[in-house]
Amino acid sequence: MAGFNWNEFYTVFKVKLEKAVKCTVGRYVTPKESQFPYVDLSIGDNSGGNYDLEGKEGSQNPMLVVSVYSTGSLADAICEQISQVAKRLMLSYGFQCHGGPIPVINAVDPNIKRWVGRYQRIFADADTI
């Protein structure tokens, strides 16, 4: 690995976001309504770069996707609030926002609101969060 530790970042993000706002944070899970408001953190991409002549990876460029789910009459407002707190947290770790956070239509169940933000940053060998 060239500097990005997914498990470490997920753990830090989960603890800090759950402390900042009332929500459940998980990854790669389809949430149940009983867990709402729910935040899913996933890796959308983790491309490498800056390879040396021996093929060793010099950096990684992870794209993290933050999806916020809620339901009820204030679902959009709750999703937006949590999304903005998550965005500030991601920016504090040097990630750049490349999309959102914006609402995404839920075709399966329009009562469940979902907001998505995409964040990316380059990590090299010596980088830490």
Protein backbone atom coordinates (compact mmCIF):
# COMPACT_ATOMS: atom_id res chain seq x y z
CA MET A 1 0.00 0.00 0.00
CA ALA A 2 1.17 3.48 -0.77
CA GLY A 3 -0.07 5.30 2.31
CA PHE A 4 -3.87 4.91 2.50
CA ASN A 5 -5.19 2.62 5.23
CA TRP A 6 -8.89 2.09 4.55
CA ASN A 7 -9.71 0.40 7.87
CA GLU A 8 -7.96 3.09 9.89
CA PHE A 9 -9.68 5.90 8.01
CA TYR A 10 -13.11 4.26 8.30
CA THR A 11 -12.68 3.83 12.07
CA VAL A 12 -11.63 7.45 12.61
CA PHE A 13 -14.43 8.78 10.35
CA LYS A 14 -17.06 6.61 12.09
CA VAL A 15 -16.07 7.69 15.59
CA LYS A 16 -15.86 11.40 14.73
CA LEU A 17 -19.11 11.56 12.73
CA GLU A 18 -21.13 9.58 15.29
CA LYS A 19 -19.80 11.91 17.99
CA ALA A 20 -20.69 15.05 15.97
CA VAL A 21 -24.23 14.05 14.95
CA LYS A 22 -26.76 11.41 15.94
CA CYS A 23 -26.43 8.74 13.25
CA THR A 24 -25.23 5.21 12.57
CA VAL A 25 -22.13 4.86 10.38
CA GLY A 26 -21.35 1.67 8.48
CA ARG A 27 -19.85 0.49 5.24
CA TYR A 28 -21.11 -1.67 2.39
CA VAL A 29 -24.42 -2.32 4.10
CA THR A 30 -27.98 -1.82 2.92
CA PRO A 31 -29.40 -0.03 5.96
CA LYS A 32 -32.61 -0.92 7.75
CA GLU A 33 -35.02 1.88 8.59
CA SER A 34 -34.47 1.18 12.30
CA GLN A 35 -30.84 2.35 11.79
CA PHE A 36 -31.80 5.72 10.23
CA PRO A 37 -30.31 8.22 10.02
CA TYR A 38 -27.60 6.05 8.48
CA VAL A 39 -24.29 6.98 6.81
CA ASP A 40 -22.55 4.54 4.47
CA LEU A 41 -18.87 5.15 3.72
CA SER A 42 -17.49 3.21 0.75
CA ILE A 43 -14.55 3.24 -1.62
CA GLY A 44 -15.65 4.08 -5.16
CA ASP A 45 -12.11 3.78 -6.57
CA ASN A 46 -8.55 3.48 -5.32
CA SER A 47 -6.26 3.99 -8.27
CA GLY A 48 -2.48 3.93 -7.94
CA GLY A 49 0.08 6.28 -9.39
CA ASN A 50 3.69 7.41 -9.47
CA TYR A 51 5.05 3.91 -10.15
CA ASP A 52 8.81 3.40 -10.15
CA LEU A 53 10.73 1.31 -12.69
CA GLU A 54 10.27 -1.80 -10.52
CA GLY A 55 6.49 -1.39 -10.54
CA LYS A 56 6.17 -0.19 -6.95
CA GLU A 57 3.23 2.09 -6.32
CA GLY A 58 4.22 5.55 -5.11
CA SER A 59 0.76 6.89 -4.33
CA GLN A 60 -2.93 6.05 -4.15
CA ASN A 61 -5.89 8.22 -5.04
CA PRO A 62 -8.94 6.85 -3.17
CA MET A 63 -12.43 8.09 -4.08
CA LEU A 64 -14.67 7.78 -1.02
CA VAL A 65 -18.44 7.92 -1.35
CA VAL A 66 -20.52 9.14 1.61
CA SER A 67 -24.23 8.20 1.38
CA VAL A 68 -26.67 9.49 4.01
CA TYR A 69 -30.12 7.92 4.46
CA SER A 70 -33.13 9.11 6.44
CA THR A 71 -36.89 8.87 6.42
CA GLY A 72 -39.80 10.93 7.70
CA SER A 73 -41.07 14.45 7.16
CA LEU A 74 -37.66 16.03 7.89
CA ALA A 75 -35.59 13.41 6.03
CA ASP A 76 -34.12 15.82 3.45
CA ALA A 77 -33.11 18.33 6.13
CA ILE A 78 -31.55 15.58 8.26
CA CYS A 79 -29.65 14.16 5.29
CA GLU A 80 -28.39 17.60 4.31
CA GLN A 81 -27.26 18.41 7.86
CA ILE A 82 -25.37 15.13 8.28
CA SER A 83 -23.92 15.42 4.76
CA GLN A 84 -22.53 18.87 5.54
CA VAL A 85 -20.92 17.65 8.78
CA ALA A 86 -19.43 14.69 6.89
CA LYS A 87 -18.15 17.07 4.20
CA ARG A 88 -16.40 19.27 6.76
CA LEU A 89 -14.83 16.16 8.28
CA MET A 90 -13.63 14.89 4.89
CA LEU A 91 -12.20 18.32 3.98
CA SER A 92 -10.36 18.44 7.31
CA TYR A 93 -8.46 15.31 6.22
CA GLY A 94 -7.37 16.89 2.95
CA PHE A 95 -10.00 15.31 0.72
CA GLN A 96 -11.50 17.40 -2.06
CA CYS A 97 -15.22 17.27 -2.77
CA HIS A 98 -15.76 16.07 -6.35
CA GLY A 99 -19.52 15.76 -6.22
CA GLY A 100 -22.31 16.74 -3.88
CA PRO A 101 -23.45 16.30 -1.36
CA ILE A 102 -26.68 16.21 -3.34
CA PRO A 103 -30.00 14.39 -3.02
CA VAL A 104 -30.39 11.25 -5.14
CA ILE A 105 -33.81 9.96 -6.16
CA ASN A 106 -34.69 6.65 -4.51
CA ALA A 107 -36.77 4.81 -7.14
CA VAL A 108 -37.36 1.76 -4.91
CA ASP A 109 -38.83 3.68 -1.96
CA PRO A 110 -39.44 7.44 -2.38
CA ASN A 111 -40.06 7.74 1.40
CA ILE A 112 -36.36 7.07 2.04
CA LYS A 113 -34.21 10.09 1.28
CA ARG A 114 -30.57 9.69 0.23
CA TRP A 115 -27.80 12.27 -0.17
CA VAL A 116 -24.45 11.40 -1.75
CA GLY A 117 -21.06 13.12 -1.70
CA ARG A 118 -17.83 12.01 -3.40
CA TYR A 119 -14.40 12.89 -2.01
CA GLN A 120 -10.90 12.22 -3.31
CA ARG A 121 -7.33 12.80 -2.21
CA ILE A 122 -3.82 11.55 -3.06
CA PHE A 123 -1.93 9.56 -0.41
CA ALA A 124 1.78 8.83 -0.66
CA ASP A 125 3.95 6.51 1.48
CA ALA A 126 4.56 8.95 4.35
CA ASP A 127 0.99 10.36 4.52
CA THR A 128 -1.13 9.74 7.59
CA ILE A 129 -4.64 10.83 8.54
